[in-house]
Amino acid sequence: VTGEKIIKIHIKSPNVPCLDLIDMPGLVASGNSEALRAKLPEKTKKLVTDHIQSVDGKNSLYLAILKSTQQPNSAEAMKIVDEFQLSSKTFGVFTHCDELAAPGLARKLKEWVL
């Protein structure tokens, strides 16, 4: 994860809308070594928060990917949404919905969301 190197792809066509799509890294801890795992969450969070606070971030919409079996407000993405007051500019997507078949999980998700 680096904030110094950015790949930009420009697509021009009369058939596509004018927009910027920025694919930010997920806010997860992973890596092959203990040293990498220790720094990765900090680096990815900094990259995301730097964008939010930039001029481009003011016109951005955000996508929060959340595991359906985890309480949404405990996810790092939702902590950032709350911290920067982005709820009106954020779309939420739940993953692992197949795991809701376990007894009581679907009810829990409904309670968390509603």
Foldseek 3Di string as FASTA:
>chain_A
DDPPDDDDDDDDDPPDDDDDDDDADDQDFDDDDPVRSVCVNVRSVVNVVVCCPDPNVVPAAEEAEEALQDQVCVDPVNVVCVVSVRPVRYDYHYPPVVVCVPPPSVVVSVVSVD
